[in-house]
Amino acid sequence: MRLLILRHAPAAPPATPDTGDDDRPLTRRGRKRFKKAARGLAEILPAPDLLLTSPLLRARETAKIAGKVWKLTPAEEPLLAGGSPEALLAAVTGHPAGSVVAVVGHEPDMSRLLAHVLGGIGERMPFRKGGAALVELADGAGEGGRLIWFMPPRTLRALCK
């Protein structure tokens, strides 16, 4: 199974008046840039079998943009908003060997998930907003994985035709 890990696109700052952290929307610029990044992502990766998103607004909006490009409806996964990497992996690894599961979440959770899947070797790989990584998972959830690619949003946007 392959796991596509996405960080949400740029959102309103945490100190936005009258907006709680869970309800911070994407910025206009973040929305525009991620639409292009999502089209670039679709150039190199066919639609995943499943698209999961954190229930927080900025992640849901990011997943909706990606879902529109892939013609998929995102499903909410509460573990993507602060759940442990182990619990999240257990939730996604029941899919067939050839499937692709995409997850949209937040930092530092996405970096922790990537580090956990890769065996925790090396420094944490921080995701830029709108960045993505594709990992090939071994058969068992605890078996680890192999990094196929790790791309910042700028590279994804450059892939857009």
Foldseek 3Di string as FASTA:
>chain_A
DKEKEWEFFAWDDCPPPPAHPLATAHDPVRLVLLLLLLLLVCLVDADFPAEEEASRHRGLSSSVSNCVNNVHHHHYDNCQEPHALLVVLVVPLPDDQPGYYYYYHHPPRSQNNLCQLQPVPDDRDDADHGWMWMWRHDNDSNPHTHTPDTGHSVVSSVSRD
